[in-house]
PDB file of all heavy atoms in Angstrom:
ATOM      1  N   GLY A   1      33.499 124.845 134.563  1.00  0.00           N
ATOM      2  CA  GLY A   1      33.070 123.668 135.277  1.00  0.00           C
ATOM      3  C   GLY A   1      32.588 122.613 134.326  1.00  0.00           C
ATOM      4  O   GLY A   1      32.881 121.373 134.544  1.00  0.00           O
ATOM      5  N   TYR A   2      31.793 123.000 133.239  1.00  0.00           N
ATOM      6  CA  TYR A   2      31.215 122.045 132.362  1.00  0.00           C
ATOM      7  C   TYR A   2      32.314 121.449 131.582  1.00  0.00           C
ATOM      8  O   TYR A   2      32.438 120.097 131.402  1.00  0.00           O
ATOM      9  CB  TYR A   2      30.253 122.669 131.308  1.00  0.00           C
ATOM     10  CG  TYR A   2      28.886 123.139 131.800  1.00  0.00           C
ATOM     11  CD1 TYR A   2      28.533 123.054 133.211  1.00  0.00           C
ATOM     12  CD2 TYR A   2      27.888 123.371 131.025  1.00  0.00           C
ATOM     13  CE1 TYR A   2      27.276 123.444 133.633  1.00  0.00           C
ATOM     14  CE2 TYR A   2      26.699 123.752 131.365  1.00  0.00           C
ATOM     15  CZ  TYR A   2      26.386 123.740 132.766  1.00  0.00           C
ATOM     16  OH  TYR A   2      25.129 124.055 133.164  1.00  0.00           O
ATOM     17  N   GLY A   3      33.399 122.181 131.170  1.00  0.00           N
ATOM     18  CA  GLY A   3      34.423 121.780 130.390  1.00  0.00           C
ATOM     19  C   GLY A   3      35.258 120.797 131.260  1.00  0.00           C
ATOM     20  O   GLY A   3      35.751 119.780 130.792  1.00  0.00           O
ATOM     21  N   ALA A   4      35.600 121.123 132.463  1.00  0.00           N
ATOM     22  CA  ALA A   4      36.295 120.251 133.365  1.00  0.00           C
ATOM     23  C   ALA A   4      35.754 118.861 133.560  1.00  0.00           C
ATOM     24  O   ALA A   4      36.519 117.861 133.238  1.00  0.00           O
ATOM     25  CB  ALA A   4      36.548 120.921 134.714  1.00  0.00           C
ATOM     26  N   VAL A   5      34.528 118.868 133.936  1.00  0.00           N
ATOM     27  CA  VAL A   5      33.830 117.504 134.191  1.00  0.00           C
ATOM     28  C   VAL A   5      33.483 116.804 132.872  1.00  0.00           C
ATOM     29  O   VAL A   5      33.703 115.592 132.755  1.00  0.00           O
ATOM     30  CB  VAL A   5      32.609 117.771 135.079  1.00  0.00           C
ATOM     31  CG1 VAL A   5      31.945 116.442 135.153  1.00  0.00           C
ATOM     32  CG2 VAL A   5      33.064 118.341 136.422  1.00  0.00           C
ATOM     33  N   GLY A   6      33.040 117.648 131.892  1.00  0.00           N
ATOM     34  CA  GLY A   6      32.391 117.060 130.618  1.00  0.00           C
ATOM     35  C   GLY A   6      33.598 116.468 129.827  1.00  0.00           C
ATOM     36  O   GLY A   6      33.620 115.275 129.365  1.00  0.00           O
ATOM     37  N   TYR A   7      34.692 117.223 129.601  1.00  0.00           N
ATOM     38  CA  TYR A   7      35.753 116.846 128.771  1.00  0.00           C
ATOM     39  C   TYR A   7      36.543 115.680 129.525  1.00  0.00           C
ATOM     40  O   TYR A   7      36.989 114.640 128.891  1.00  0.00           O
ATOM     41  CB  TYR A   7      36.787 117.844 128.403  1.00  0.00           C
ATOM     42  CG  TYR A   7      36.053 118.960 127.446  1.00  0.00           C
ATOM     43  CD1 TYR A   7      36.626 120.307 127.576  1.00  0.00           C
ATOM     44  CD2 TYR A   7      35.229 118.595 126.608  1.00  0.00           C
ATOM     45  CE1 TYR A   7      36.049 121.185 126.786  1.00  0.00           C
ATOM     46  CE2 TYR A   7      34.540 119.579 125.786  1.00  0.00           C
ATOM     47  CZ  TYR A   7      35.068 120.906 125.884  1.00  0.00           C
ATOM     48  OH  TYR A   7      34.398 121.796 125.091  1.00  0.00           O
ATOM     49  N   ASN A   8      36.576 115.720 130.785  1.00  0.00           N
ATOM     50  CA  ASN A   8      37.131 114.534 131.589  1.00  0.00           C
ATOM     51  C   ASN A   8      36.439 113.285 131.160  1.00  0.00           C
ATOM     52  O   ASN A   8      37.021 112.198 131.069  1.00  0.00           O
ATOM     53  CB  ASN A   8      37.011 114.917 133.093  1.00  0.00           C
ATOM     54  CG  ASN A   8      37.713 113.904 134.065  1.00  0.00           C
ATOM     55  OD1 ASN A   8      38.801 113.942 134.320  1.00  0.00           O
ATOM     56  ND2 ASN A   8      36.982 112.809 134.202  1.00  0.00           N
ATOM     57  N   PHE A   9      35.079 113.350 131.183  1.00  0.00           N
ATOM     58  CA  PHE A   9      34.251 112.182 130.952  1.00  0.00           C
ATOM     59  C   PHE A   9      34.512 111.610 129.579  1.00  0.00           C
ATOM     60  O   PHE A   9      34.717 110.477 129.348  1.00  0.00           O
ATOM     61  CB  PHE A   9      32.854 112.687 131.178  1.00  0.00           C
ATOM     62  CG  PHE A   9      31.780 111.575 131.277  1.00  0.00           C
ATOM     63  CD1 PHE A   9      32.061 110.212 131.358  1.00  0.00           C
ATOM     64  CD2 PHE A   9      30.430 111.898 131.258  1.00  0.00           C
ATOM     65  CE1 PHE A   9      31.220 109.212 131.505  1.00  0.00           C
ATOM     66  CE2 PHE A   9      29.397 110.856 131.408  1.00  0.00           C
ATOM     67  CZ  PHE A   9      29.854 109.594 131.571  1.00  0.00           C
ATOM     68  N   PHE A  10      34.436 112.600 128.580  1.00  0.00           N
ATOM     69  CA  PHE A  10      34.633 112.240 127.142  1.00  0.00           C
ATOM     70  C   PHE A  10      36.057 111.578 126.906  1.00  0.00           C
ATOM     71  O   PHE A  10      36.123 110.600 126.226  1.00  0.00           O
ATOM     72  CB  PHE A  10      34.451 113.534 126.189  1.00  0.00           C
ATOM     73  CG  PHE A  10      34.939 113.301 124.878  1.00  0.00           C
ATOM     74  CD1 PHE A  10      34.298 112.595 123.927  1.00  0.00           C
ATOM     75  CD2 PHE A  10      36.205 113.886 124.507  1.00  0.00           C
ATOM     76  CE1 PHE A  10      34.769 112.389 122.638  1.00  0.00           C
ATOM     77  CE2 PHE A  10      36.631 113.763 123.276  1.00  0.00           C
ATOM     78  CZ  PHE A  10      35.902 113.076 122.248  1.00  0.00           C
ATOM     79  N   ILE A  11      37.050 112.314 127.346  1.00  0.00           N
ATOM     80  CA  ILE A  11      38.393 111.855 126.972  1.00  0.00           C
ATOM     81  C   ILE A  11      38.889 110.662 127.616  1.00  0.00           C
ATOM     82  O   ILE A  11      39.601 109.894 127.067  1.00  0.00           O
ATOM     83  CB  ILE A  11      39.345 113.137 127.182  1.00  0.00           C
ATOM     84  CG1 ILE A  11      40.569 113.022 126.200  1.00  0.00           C
ATOM     85  CG2 ILE A  11      39.882 113.108 128.690  1.00  0.00           C
ATOM     86  CD1 ILE A  11      40.187 113.125 124.726  1.00  0.00           C
ATOM     87  N   SER A  12      38.291 110.416 128.854  1.00  0.00           N
ATOM     88  CA  SER A  12      38.608 109.128 129.541  1.00  0.00           C
ATOM     89  C   SER A  12      38.000 107.950 128.784  1.00  0.00           C
ATOM     90  O   SER A  12      38.568 106.885 128.529  1.00  0.00           O
ATOM     91  CB  SER A  12      38.119 109.262 130.941  1.00  0.00           C
ATOM     92  OG  SER A  12      38.622 110.139 131.699  1.00  0.00           O
ATOM     93  N   ALA A  13      36.816 108.065 128.305  1.00  0.00           N
ATOM     94  CA  ALA A  13      36.091 106.950 127.591  1.00  0.00           C
ATOM     95  C   ALA A  13      36.856 106.714 126.287  1.00  0.00           C
ATOM     96  O   ALA A  13      36.909 105.562 125.870  1.00  0.00           O
ATOM     97  CB  ALA A  13      34.572 107.413 127.303  1.00  0.00           C
ATOM     98  N   LEU A  14      37.216 107.745 125.567  1.00  0.00           N
ATOM     99  CA  LEU A  14      37.950 107.667 124.362  1.00  0.00           C
ATOM    100  C   LEU A  14      39.371 106.900 124.654  1.00  0.00           C
ATOM    101  O   LEU A  14      39.658 105.981 123.901  1.00  0.00           O
ATOM    102  CB  LEU A  14      38.200 108.985 123.691  1.00  0.00           C
ATOM    103  CG  LEU A  14      38.870 108.892 122.387  1.00  0.00           C
ATOM    104  CD1 LEU A  14      37.835 108.591 121.277  1.00  0.00           C
ATOM    105  CD2 LEU A  14      39.376 110.310 121.991  1.00  0.00           C
ATOM    106  N   ALA A  15      40.108 107.415 125.603  1.00  0.00           N
ATOM    107  CA  ALA A  15      41.362 106.900 125.820  1.00  0.00           C
ATOM    108  C   ALA A  15      41.342 105.352 126.283  1.00  0.00           C
ATOM    109  O   ALA A  15      42.141 104.656 125.771  1.00  0.00           O
ATOM    110  CB  ALA A  15      42.052 107.787 127.117  1.00  0.00           C
ATOM    111  N   ILE A  16      40.482 105.098 127.015  1.00  0.00           N
ATOM    112  CA  ILE A  16      40.169 103.568 127.382  1.00  0.00           C
ATOM    113  C   ILE A  16      40.082 102.678 126.235  1.00  0.00           C
ATOM    114  O   ILE A  16      40.860 101.596 126.146  1.00  0.00           O
ATOM    115  CB  ILE A  16      38.995 103.426 128.331  1.00  0.00           C
ATOM    116  CG1 ILE A  16      39.267 103.988 129.768  1.00  0.00           C
ATOM    117  CG2 ILE A  16      38.554 101.980 128.565  1.00  0.00           C
ATOM    118  CD1 ILE A  16      38.150 104.207 130.619  1.00  0.00           C
ATOM    119  N   GLN A  17      39.296 103.061 125.338  1.00  0.00           N
ATOM    120  CA  GLN A  17      39.165 102.149 124.145  1.00  0.00           C
ATOM    121  C   GLN A  17      40.405 102.127 123.295  1.00  0.00           C
ATOM    122  O   GLN A  17      40.815 101.113 122.851  1.00  0.00           O
ATOM    123  CB  GLN A  17      37.951 102.694 123.285  1.00  0.00           C
ATOM    124  CG  GLN A  17      36.649 102.684 124.029  1.00  0.00           C
ATOM    125  CD  GLN A  17      35.642 103.329 123.139  1.00  0.00           C
ATOM    126  OE1 GLN A  17      35.032 102.774 122.162  1.00  0.00           O
ATOM    127  NE2 GLN A  17      35.267 104.609 123.489  1.00  0.00           N
ATOM    128  N   TRP A  18      40.982 103.282 123.051  1.00  0.00           N
ATOM    129  CA  TRP A  18      42.139 103.452 122.207  1.00  0.00           C
ATOM    130  C   TRP A  18      43.428 102.712 122.766  1.00  0.00           C
ATOM    131  O   TRP A  18      44.143 102.095 122.053  1.00  0.00           O
ATOM    132  CB  TRP A  18      42.493 104.899 122.007  1.00  0.00           C
ATOM    133  CG  TRP A  18      43.476 105.104 120.879  1.00  0.00           C
ATOM    134  CD1 TRP A  18      44.527 106.185 121.182  1.00  0.00           C
ATOM    135  CD2 TRP A  18      43.754 104.691 119.689  1.00  0.00           C
ATOM    136  NE1 TRP A  18      45.450 106.139 120.018  1.00  0.00           N
ATOM    137  CE2 TRP A  18      44.934 105.375 119.115  1.00  0.00           C
ATOM    138  CE3 TRP A  18      43.114 103.601 118.897  1.00  0.00           C
ATOM    139  CZ2 TRP A  18      45.355 105.010 117.930  1.00  0.00           C
ATOM    140  CZ3 TRP A  18      43.632 103.350 117.661  1.00  0.00           C
ATOM    141  CH2 TRP A  18      44.642 104.027 117.160  1.00  0.00           C
ATOM    142  N   TYR A  19      43.453 102.773 124.174  1.00  0.00           N
ATOM    143  CA  TYR A  19      44.661 102.103 124.824  1.00  0.00           C
ATOM    144  C   TYR A  19      44.486 100.497 124.547  1.00  0.00           C
ATOM    145  O   TYR A  19      45.487  99.996 124.473  1.00  0.00           O
ATOM    146  CB  TYR A  19      44.595 102.477 126.299  1.00  0.00           C
ATOM    147  CG  TYR A  19      45.537 101.676 127.160  1.00  0.00           C
ATOM    148  CD1 TYR A  19      46.882 101.953 127.203  1.00  0.00           C
ATOM    149  CD2 TYR A  19      45.046 100.456 127.775  1.00  0.00           C
ATOM    150  CE1 TYR A  19      47.822 101.084 127.944  1.00  0.00           C
ATOM    151  CE2 TYR A  19      45.894  99.664 128.503  1.00  0.00           C
ATOM    152  CZ  TYR A  19      47.232  99.947 128.554  1.00  0.00           C
ATOM    153  OH  TYR A  19      48.058  99.147 129.232  1.00  0.00           O
ATOM    154  N   ILE A  20      43.381  99.961 124.774  1.00  0.00           N
ATOM    155  CA  ILE A  20      43.162  98.596 124.687  1.00  0.00           C
ATOM    156  C   ILE A  20      43.618  98.098 123.357  1.00  0.00           C
ATOM    157  O   ILE A  20      44.331  96.954 123.221  1.00  0.00           O
ATOM    158  CB  ILE A  20      41.582  98.237 124.836  1.00  0.00           C
ATOM    159  CG1 ILE A  20      41.295  98.482 126.257  1.00  0.00           C
ATOM    160  CG2 ILE A  20      41.319  96.730 124.507  1.00  0.00           C
ATOM    161  CD1 ILE A  20      39.708  98.236 126.679  1.00  0.00           C
ATOM    162  N   ILE A  21      43.340  98.918 122.241  1.00  0.00           N
ATOM    163  CA  ILE A  21      43.797  98.546 120.957  1.00  0.00           C
ATOM    164  C   ILE A  21      45.332  98.679 120.893  1.00  0.00           C
ATOM    165  O   ILE A  21      46.071  97.650 120.309  1.00  0.00           O
ATOM    166  CB  ILE A  21      43.153  99.281 119.890  1.00  0.00           C
ATOM    167  CG1 ILE A  21      41.636  99.076 119.887  1.00  0.00           C
ATOM    168  CG2 ILE A  21      43.806  98.988 118.456  1.00  0.00           C
ATOM    169  CD1 ILE A  21      41.256  97.533 119.568  1.00  0.00           C
ATOM    170  N   ILE A  22      45.869  99.759 121.192  1.00  0.00           N
ATOM    171  CA  ILE A  22      47.285 100.204 121.047  1.00  0.00           C
ATOM    172  C   ILE A  22      48.182  99.054 121.830  1.00  0.00           C
ATOM    173  O   ILE A  22      49.105  98.560 121.246  1.00  0.00           O
ATOM    174  CB  ILE A  22      47.577 101.539 121.404  1.00  0.00           C
ATOM    175  CG1 ILE A  22      46.829 102.477 120.348  1.00  0.00           C
ATOM    176  CG2 ILE A  22      49.115 101.910 121.324  1.00  0.00           C
ATOM    177  CD1 ILE A  22      47.320 102.384 118.878  1.00  0.00           C
ATOM    178  N   TYR A  23      47.929  99.059 123.163  1.00  0.00           N
ATOM    179  CA  TYR A  23      48.729  98.342 123.959  1.00  0.00           C
ATOM    180  C   TYR A  23      48.656  96.836 123.577  1.00  0.00           C
ATOM    181  O   TYR A  23      49.669  96.066 123.512  1.00  0.00           O
ATOM    182  CB  TYR A  23      48.522  98.389 125.363  1.00  0.00           C
ATOM    183  CG  TYR A  23      49.470  97.880 126.298  1.00  0.00           C
ATOM    184  CD1 TYR A  23      50.750  98.451 126.559  1.00  0.00           C
ATOM    185  CD2 TYR A  23      49.229  96.546 126.812  1.00  0.00           C
ATOM    186  CE1 TYR A  23      51.674  97.743 127.248  1.00  0.00           C
ATOM    187  CE2 TYR A  23      50.262  95.928 127.595  1.00  0.00           C
ATOM    188  CZ  TYR A  23      51.439  96.622 127.822  1.00  0.00           C
ATOM    189  OH  TYR A  23      52.413  95.973 128.594  1.00  0.00           O
ATOM    190  N   GLY A  24      47.471  96.398 123.169  1.00  0.00           N
ATOM    191  CA  GLY A  24      47.284  94.942 122.707  1.00  0.00           C
ATOM    192  C   GLY A  24      48.095  94.604 121.468  1.00  0.00           C
ATOM    193  O   GLY A  24      48.716  93.605 121.291  1.00  0.00           O
ATOM    194  N   CYS A  25      48.175  95.645 120.516  1.00  0.00           N
ATOM    195  CA  CYS A  25      49.000  95.387 119.320  1.00  0.00           C
ATOM    196  C   CYS A  25      50.513  95.456 119.645  1.00  0.00           C
ATOM    197  O   CYS A  25      51.226  94.638 119.063  1.00  0.00           O
ATOM    198  CB  CYS A  25      48.658  96.498 118.227  1.00  0.00           C
ATOM    199  SG  CYS A  25      46.998  96.443 117.560  1.00  0.00           S
ATOM    200  N   ILE A  26      50.926  96.272 120.503  1.00  0.00           N
ATOM    201  CA  ILE A  26      52.203  96.391 120.953  1.00  0.00           C
ATOM    202  C   ILE A  26      52.788  94.970 121.582  1.00  0.00           C
ATOM    203  O   ILE A  26      53.700  94.395 121.362  1.00  0.00           O
ATOM    204  CB  ILE A  26      52.578  97.562 121.898  1.00  0.00           C
ATOM    205  CG1 ILE A  26      52.375  98.916 121.074  1.00  0.00           C
ATOM    206  CG2 ILE A  26      54.041  97.548 122.483  1.00  0.00           C
ATOM    207  CD1 ILE A  26      52.514 100.120 121.958  1.00  0.00           C
ATOM    208  N   GLU A  27      51.854  94.635 122.540  1.00  0.00           N
ATOM    209  CA  GLU A  27      52.104  93.429 123.284  1.00  0.00           C
ATOM    210  C   GLU A  27      52.263  92.094 122.386  1.00  0.00           C
ATOM    211  O   GLU A  27      52.959  91.249 122.674  1.00  0.00           O
ATOM    212  CB  GLU A  27      51.089  93.188 124.398  1.00  0.00           C
ATOM    213  CG  GLU A  27      51.405  92.190 125.378  1.00  0.00           C
ATOM    214  CD  GLU A  27      50.522  92.203 126.535  1.00  0.00           C
ATOM    215  OE1 GLU A  27      49.308  92.435 126.258  1.00  0.00           O
ATOM    216  OE2 GLU A  27      50.895  91.992 127.706  1.00  0.00           O
ATOM    217  N   ASN A  28      51.527  92.143 121.190  1.00  0.00           N
ATOM    218  CA  ASN A  28      51.375  91.031 120.287  1.00  0.00           C
ATOM    219  C   ASN A  28      52.239  91.319 119.136  1.00  0.00           C
ATOM    220  O   ASN A  28      51.925  90.729 118.002  1.00  0.00           O
ATOM    221  CB  ASN A  28      50.090  90.644 119.914  1.00  0.00           C
ATOM    222  CG  ASN A  28      49.213  90.165 121.083  1.00  0.00           C
ATOM    223  OD1 ASN A  28      49.365  88.883 121.421  1.00  0.00           O
ATOM    224  ND2 ASN A  28      48.444  90.920 121.626  1.00  0.00           N
ATOM    225  N   ARG A  29      53.199  92.306 119.184  1.00  0.00           N
ATOM    226  CA  ARG A  29      53.882  92.693 117.937  1.00  0.00           C
ATOM    227  C   ARG A  29      54.726  91.424 117.351  1.00  0.00           C
ATOM    228  O   ARG A  29      55.143  90.432 118.120  1.00  0.00           O
ATOM    229  CB  ARG A  29      55.055  93.714 118.419  1.00  0.00           C
ATOM    230  CG  ARG A  29      56.064  93.139 119.238  1.00  0.00           C
ATOM    231  CD  ARG A  29      56.909  94.159 119.910  1.00  0.00           C
ATOM    232  NE  ARG A  29      58.068  93.668 120.632  1.00  0.00           N
ATOM    233  CZ  ARG A  29      57.956  92.975 121.680  1.00  0.00           C
ATOM    234  NH1 ARG A  29      56.863  92.622 122.263  1.00  0.00           N
ATOM    235  NH2 ARG A  29      59.060  92.500 122.316  1.00  0.00           N
ATOM    236  N   GLY A  30      54.670  91.357 116.053  1.00  0.00           N
ATOM    237  CA  GLY A  30      55.401  90.228 115.322  1.00  0.00           C
ATOM    238  C   GLY A  30      54.486  89.074 115.153  1.00  0.00           C
ATOM    239  O   GLY A  30      54.961  88.267 114.460  1.00  0.00           O
ATOM    240  N   LYS A  31      53.298  89.100 115.856  1.00  0.00           N
ATOM    241  CA  LYS A  31      52.371  87.953 115.589  1.00  0.00           C
ATOM    242  C   LYS A  31      51.515  88.171 114.490  1.00  0.00           C
ATOM    243  O   LYS A  31      51.112  89.327 114.274  1.00  0.00           O
ATOM    244  CB  LYS A  31      51.755  87.635 116.961  1.00  0.00           C
ATOM    245  CG  LYS A  31      52.640  87.260 118.066  1.00  0.00           C
ATOM    246  CD  LYS A  31      51.771  86.968 119.359  1.00  0.00           C
ATOM    247  CE  LYS A  31      52.643  86.600 120.607  1.00  0.00           C
ATOM    248  NZ  LYS A  31      51.843  86.414 121.726  1.00  0.00           N
ATOM    249  N   THR A  32      50.869  87.042 113.989  1.00  0.00           N
ATOM    250  CA  THR A  32      49.817  87.269 112.892  1.00  0.00           C
ATOM    251  C   THR A  32      48.567  86.584 113.469  1.00  0.00           C
ATOM    252  O   THR A  32      48.686  85.463 114.163  1.00  0.00           O
ATOM    253  CB  THR A  32      50.222  86.650 111.623  1.00  0.00           C
ATOM    254  OG1 THR A  32      50.644  85.258 111.823  1.00  0.00           O
ATOM    255  CG2 THR A  32      51.395  87.383 111.005  1.00  0.00           C
ATOM    256  N   GLY A  33      47.365  87.142 113.218  1.00  0.00           N
ATOM    257  CA  GLY A  33      46.270  86.468 113.755  1.00  0.00           C
ATOM    258  C   GLY A  33      46.106  86.484 115.229  1.00  0.00           C
ATOM    259  O   GLY A  33      45.408  85.491 115.653  1.00  0.00           O
ATOM    260  N   PHE A  34      46.647  87.426 115.861  1.00  0.00           N
ATOM    261  CA  PHE A  34      46.490  87.409 117.324  1.00  0.00           C
ATOM    262  C   PHE A  34      45.068  88.116 117.698  1.00  0.00           C
ATOM    263  O   PHE A  34      44.478  88.717 116.976  1.00  0.00           O
ATOM    264  CB  PHE A  34      47.597  88.315 117.957  1.00  0.00           C
ATOM    265  CG  PHE A  34      47.584  89.646 117.509  1.00  0.00           C
ATOM    266  CD1 PHE A  34      46.890  90.550 118.307  1.00  0.00           C
ATOM    267  CD2 PHE A  34      48.386  90.221 116.505  1.00  0.00           C
ATOM    268  CE1 PHE A  34      46.940  91.988 117.992  1.00  0.00           C
ATOM    269  CE2 PHE A  34      48.378  91.456 116.119  1.00  0.00           C
ATOM    270  CZ  PHE A  34      47.527  92.389 116.887  1.00  0.00           C
ATOM    271  N   ASP A  35      44.807  87.641 118.966  1.00  0.00           N
ATOM    272  CA  ASP A  35      43.564  88.244 119.764  1.00  0.00           C
ATOM    273  C   ASP A  35      44.109  89.049 120.870  1.00  0.00           C
ATOM    274  O   ASP A  35      44.993  88.697 121.581  1.00  0.00           O
ATOM    275  CB  ASP A  35      42.694  87.208 120.241  1.00  0.00           C
ATOM    276  CG  ASP A  35      41.958  86.457 118.941  1.00  0.00           C
ATOM    277  OD1 ASP A  35      41.768  87.154 118.009  1.00  0.00           O
ATOM    278  OD2 ASP A  35      41.518  85.304 119.151  1.00  0.00           O
ATOM    279  N   ILE A  36      43.427  90.194 121.134  1.00  0.00           N
ATOM    280  CA  ILE A  36      43.720  91.020 122.276  1.00  0.00           C
ATOM    281  C   ILE A  36      42.807  90.475 123.328  1.00  0.00           C
ATOM    282  O   ILE A  36      41.400  90.626 123.167  1.00  0.00           O
ATOM    283  CB  ILE A  36      43.475  92.493 122.077  1.00  0.00           C
ATOM    284  CG1 ILE A  36      44.505  92.985 120.960  1.00  0.00           C
ATOM    285  CG2 ILE A  36      43.494  93.334 123.256  1.00  0.00           C
ATOM    286  CD1 ILE A  36      44.294  94.439 120.591  1.00  0.00           C
ATOM    287  N   VAL A  37      43.145  89.917 124.422  1.00  0.00           N
ATOM    288  CA  VAL A  37      42.333  89.198 125.419  1.00  0.00           C
ATOM    289  C   VAL A  37      41.888  90.395 126.453  1.00  0.00           C
ATOM    290  O   VAL A  37      42.754  91.063 126.993  1.00  0.00           O
ATOM    291  CB  VAL A  37      43.080  88.108 126.142  1.00  0.00           C
ATOM    292  CG1 VAL A  37      42.188  87.616 127.262  1.00  0.00           C
ATOM    293  CG2 VAL A  37      43.357  87.039 125.134  1.00  0.00           C
ATOM    294  N   LEU A  38      40.694  90.462 126.760  1.00  0.00           N
ATOM    295  CA  LEU A  38      40.075  91.480 127.461  1.00  0.00           C
ATOM    296  C   LEU A  38      39.547  90.852 128.841  1.00  0.00           C
ATOM    297  O   LEU A  38      38.819  89.918 128.807  1.00  0.00           O
ATOM    298  CB  LEU A  38      38.955  92.235 126.845  1.00  0.00           C
ATOM    299  CG  LEU A  38      38.506  93.568 127.275  1.00  0.00           C
ATOM    300  CD1 LEU A  38      39.622  94.530 127.259  1.00  0.00           C
ATOM    301  CD2 LEU A  38      37.375  94.108 126.509  1.00  0.00           C
ATOM    302  N   ASN A  39      39.969  91.375 129.994  1.00  0.00           N
ATOM    303  CA  ASN A  39      39.629  90.996 131.404  1.00  0.00           C
ATOM    304  C   ASN A  39      39.521  92.213 132.249  1.00  0.00           C
ATOM    305  O   ASN A  39      39.804  93.193 131.832  1.00  0.00           O
ATOM    306  CB  ASN A  39      40.312  89.760 131.778  1.00  0.00           C
ATOM    307  CG  ASN A  39      41.867  90.093 131.826  1.00  0.00           C
ATOM    308  OD1 ASN A  39      42.304  91.281 132.069  1.00  0.00           O
ATOM    309  ND2 ASN A  39      42.631  89.000 131.570  1.00  0.00           N
ATOM    310  N   ILE A  40      39.360  91.873 133.516  1.00  0.00           N
ATOM    311  CA  ILE A  40      39.297  93.005 134.545  1.00  0.00           C
ATOM    312  C   ILE A  40      40.570  93.612 134.537  1.00  0.00           C
ATOM    313  O   ILE A  40      40.737  94.899 134.726  1.00  0.00           O
ATOM    314  CB  ILE A  40      38.902  92.558 135.870  1.00  0.00           C
ATOM    315  CG1 ILE A  40      37.374  91.959 135.774  1.00  0.00           C
ATOM    316  CG2 ILE A  40      38.878  93.727 136.902  1.00  0.00           C
ATOM    317  CD1 ILE A  40      36.307  92.947 135.518  1.00  0.00           C
ATOM    318  N   HIS A  41      41.692  92.828 134.547  1.00  0.00           N
ATOM    319  CA  HIS A  41      43.021  93.477 134.588  1.00  0.00           C
ATOM    320  C   HIS A  41      43.387  94.451 133.476  1.00  0.00           C
ATOM    321  O   HIS A  41      43.819  95.545 133.630  1.00  0.00           O
ATOM    322  CB  HIS A  41      44.051  92.291 134.522  1.00  0.00           C
ATOM    323  CG  HIS A  41      45.581  92.639 134.596  1.00  0.00           C
ATOM    324  ND1 HIS A  41      46.120  93.337 133.504  1.00  0.00           N
ATOM    325  CD2 HIS A  41      46.396  92.602 135.617  1.00  0.00           C
ATOM    326  CE1 HIS A  41      47.316  93.547 133.878  1.00  0.00           C
ATOM    327  NE2 HIS A  41      47.551  93.176 135.142  1.00  0.00           N
ATOM    328  N   SER A  42      42.770  94.070 132.288  1.00  0.00           N
ATOM    329  CA  SER A  42      42.956  95.030 131.138  1.00  0.00           C
ATOM    330  C   SER A  42      42.176  96.313 131.351  1.00  0.00           C
ATOM    331  O   SER A  42      42.570  97.398 130.917  1.00  0.00           O
ATOM    332  CB  SER A  42      42.348  94.330 129.917  1.00  0.00           C
ATOM    333  OG  SER A  42      42.942  93.048 129.656  1.00  0.00           O
TER     334      SER A  42
END
């Protein structure tokens, strides 16, 4: 039970941050000096 709820908590928080960076870089591929814009949609 601890592992189920605890690792769910940890891995979600990690994935959210990593996704914002990765998808932002993919979406702005080929550009230089770009910003990853963060909003509720993101």
